[in-house]
Amino acid sequence: MARSVLSGGVDIKDAFQDPRYTEAVYQRMHEIRRAADVRTYVEQQQSRARFAEWDARQQADLDRERAERDAPVHGSGWAGAGGTAGGSGRSARR
């Protein structure tokens, strides 16, 4: 079912209305929760550290993408308010 959703063959809404699909999802969620409950303190700390590292990388990537997106464009020939590109802002005609 998941492959059908990912390939576009089945709409996600239809998939979640199919009892076979929802049962499989809930079963897997239960298994994940059970595995999380039996982790040792050390495993929990290691997991938190790995998540913190991943989160820091994600944030750095987002910050870099925003900086690239928001950076001023140089050499575009755009004159800006009241002038020509590279000029004093005065018209050649008086």
C-alpha atoms as a PDB file:
ATOM      1  CA  MET A   1       0.000   0.000   0.000  1.00  0.00           C
ATOM      2  CA  ALA A   2       2.810   2.428   0.882  1.00  0.00           C
ATOM      3  CA  ARG A   3       4.428   1.846  -2.502  1.00  0.00           C
ATOM      4  CA  SER A   4       1.108   2.592  -4.177  1.00  0.00           C
ATOM      5  CA  VAL A   5       0.812   5.867  -2.266  1.00  0.00           C
ATOM      6  CA  LEU A   6       4.405   6.882  -2.989  1.00  0.00           C
ATOM      7  CA  SER A   7       4.061   6.054  -6.685  1.00  0.00           C
ATOM      8  CA  GLY A   8       0.831   8.051  -6.905  1.00  0.00           C
ATOM      9  CA  GLY A   9      -1.329   5.007  -7.652  1.00  0.00           C
ATOM     10  CA  VAL A  10      -3.369   5.454  -4.452  1.00  0.00           C
ATOM     11  CA  ASP A  11      -4.368   8.731  -2.822  1.00  0.00           C
ATOM     12  CA  ILE A  12      -3.235   9.071   0.814  1.00  0.00           C
ATOM     13  CA  LYS A  13      -6.826   9.752   1.901  1.00  0.00           C
ATOM     14  CA  ASP A  14      -7.950   6.490   0.336  1.00  0.00           C
ATOM     15  CA  ALA A  15      -5.041   4.642   1.929  1.00  0.00           C
ATOM     16  CA  PHE A  16      -5.974   5.817   5.416  1.00  0.00           C
ATOM     17  CA  GLN A  17      -9.554   4.757   4.862  1.00  0.00           C
ATOM     18  CA  ASP A  18      -8.409   1.216   4.068  1.00  0.00           C
ATOM     19  CA  PRO A  19      -8.496  -0.842   7.288  1.00  0.00           C
ATOM     20  CA  ARG A  20      -5.566  -3.016   6.150  1.00  0.00           C
ATOM     21  CA  TYR A  21      -3.358   0.038   5.750  1.00  0.00           C
ATOM     22  CA  THR A  22      -4.338   1.715   9.014  1.00  0.00           C
ATOM     23  CA  GLU A  23      -3.910  -1.551  10.918  1.00  0.00           C
ATOM     24  CA  ALA A  24      -0.399  -1.957   9.504  1.00  0.00           C
ATOM     25  CA  VAL A  25       0.489   1.649  10.391  1.00  0.00           C
ATOM     26  CA  TYR A  26      -0.826   1.352  13.954  1.00  0.00           C
ATOM     27  CA  GLN A  27       0.939  -1.983  14.440  1.00  0.00           C
ATOM     28  CA  ARG A  28       4.259  -0.505  13.346  1.00  0.00           C
ATOM     29  CA  MET A  29       3.742   2.555  15.570  1.00  0.00           C
ATOM     30  CA  HIS A  30       3.119   0.222  18.508  1.00  0.00           C
ATOM     31  CA  GLU A  31       6.359  -1.676  17.763  1.00  0.00           C
ATOM     32  CA  ILE A  32       8.325   1.576  17.587  1.00  0.00           C
ATOM     33  CA  ARG A  33       6.848   2.781  20.876  1.00  0.00           C
ATOM     34  CA  ARG A  34       7.633  -0.539  22.571  1.00  0.00           C
ATOM     35  CA  ALA A  35      11.233  -0.406  21.340  1.00  0.00           C
ATOM     36  CA  ALA A  36      11.559   3.154  22.656  1.00  0.00           C
ATOM     37  CA  ASP A  37      10.216   2.113  26.049  1.00  0.00           C
ATOM     38  CA  VAL A  38      12.866  -0.583  26.564  1.00  0.00           C
ATOM     39  CA  ARG A  39      15.902   1.540  25.699  1.00  0.00           C
ATOM     40  CA  THR A  40      18.498   2.015  28.390  1.00  0.00           C
ATOM     41  CA  TYR A  41      19.379   5.434  29.758  1.00  0.00           C
ATOM     42  CA  VAL A  42      22.635   5.406  27.766  1.00  0.00           C
ATOM     43  CA  GLU A  43      20.757   4.558  24.553  1.00  0.00           C
ATOM     44  CA  GLN A  44      18.314   7.391  25.221  1.00  0.00           C
ATOM     45  CA  GLN A  45      21.174   9.849  25.719  1.00  0.00           C
ATOM     46  CA  GLN A  46      22.901   8.634  22.543  1.00  0.00           C
ATOM     47  CA  SER A  47      19.671   9.023  20.608  1.00  0.00           C
ATOM     48  CA  ARG A  48      19.190  12.558  21.944  1.00  0.00           C
ATOM     49  CA  ALA A  49      22.765  13.458  20.977  1.00  0.00           C
ATOM     50  CA  ARG A  50      22.320  12.071  17.444  1.00  0.00           C
ATOM     51  CA  PHE A  51      19.082  14.014  17.097  1.00  0.00           C
ATOM     52  CA  ALA A  52      20.731  17.225  18.328  1.00  0.00           C
ATOM     53  CA  GLU A  53      23.507  16.809  15.749  1.00  0.00           C
ATOM     54  CA  TRP A  54      20.986  16.125  12.974  1.00  0.00           C
ATOM     55  CA  ASP A  55      18.862  19.087  14.047  1.00  0.00           C
ATOM     56  CA  ALA A  56      21.905  21.400  14.073  1.00  0.00           C
ATOM     57  CA  ARG A  57      22.802  20.285  10.519  1.00  0.00           C
ATOM     58  CA  GLN A  58      19.228  20.857   9.369  1.00  0.00           C
ATOM     59  CA  GLN A  59      19.187  24.334  10.908  1.00  0.00           C
ATOM     60  CA  ALA A  60      22.548  25.190   9.326  1.00  0.00           C
ATOM     61  CA  ASP A  61      21.239  24.052   5.934  1.00  0.00           C
ATOM     62  CA  LEU A  62      18.104  26.173   6.347  1.00  0.00           C
ATOM     63  CA  ASP A  63      20.149  29.192   7.423  1.00  0.00           C
ATOM     64  CA  ARG A  64      22.457  28.775   4.413  1.00  0.00           C
ATOM     65  CA  GLU A  65      19.504  28.437   2.019  1.00  0.00           C
ATOM     66  CA  ARG A  66      17.862  31.552   3.480  1.00  0.00           C
ATOM     67  CA  ALA A  67      21.117  33.510   3.230  1.00  0.00           C
ATOM     68  CA  GLU A  68      21.542  32.481  -0.411  1.00  0.00           C
ATOM     69  CA  ARG A  69      17.920  33.309  -1.192  1.00  0.00           C
ATOM     70  CA  ASP A  70      17.998  36.677   0.571  1.00  0.00           C
ATOM     71  CA  ALA A  71      21.474  37.763  -0.569  1.00  0.00           C
ATOM     72  CA  PRO A  72      21.586  40.878  -2.723  1.00  0.00           C
ATOM     73  CA  VAL A  73      22.173  40.252  -6.401  1.00  0.00           C
ATOM     74  CA  HIS A  74      25.304  42.027  -7.675  1.00  0.00           C
ATOM     75  CA  GLY A  75      25.919  42.982 -11.282  1.00  0.00           C
ATOM     76  CA  SER A  76      22.329  42.558 -12.332  1.00  0.00           C
ATOM     77  CA  GLY A  77      22.235  45.950 -14.039  1.00  0.00           C
ATOM     78  CA  TRP A  78      19.339  47.014 -11.863  1.00  0.00           C
ATOM     79  CA  ALA A  79      19.539  50.749 -11.273  1.00  0.00           C
ATOM     80  CA  GLY A  80      17.697  51.015  -8.013  1.00  0.00           C
ATOM     81  CA  ALA A  81      15.645  54.055  -7.069  1.00  0.00           C
ATOM     82  CA  GLY A  82      16.217  57.174  -9.144  1.00  0.00           C
ATOM     83  CA  GLY A  83      19.239  56.365 -11.233  1.00  0.00           C
ATOM     84  CA  THR A  84      21.112  54.267 -13.676  1.00  0.00           C
ATOM     85  CA  ALA A  85      23.210  51.291 -12.803  1.00  0.00           C
ATOM     86  CA  GLY A  86      26.531  52.535 -11.518  1.00  0.00           C
ATOM     87  CA  GLY A  87      25.552  56.152 -12.047  1.00  0.00           C
ATOM     88  CA  SER A  88      25.096  59.074  -9.705  1.00  0.00           C
ATOM     89  CA  GLY A  89      21.325  58.923  -9.887  1.00  0.00           C
ATOM     90  CA  ARG A  90      21.156  62.065 -12.083  1.00  0.00           C
ATOM     91  CA  SER A  91      19.625  62.071 -15.493  1.00  0.00           C
ATOM     92  CA  ALA A  92      21.911  62.667 -18.494  1.00  0.00           C
ATOM     93  CA  ARG A  93      19.490  65.300 -19.746  1.00  0.00           C
ATOM     94  CA  ARG A  94      19.048  68.535 -17.842  1.00  0.00           C
END
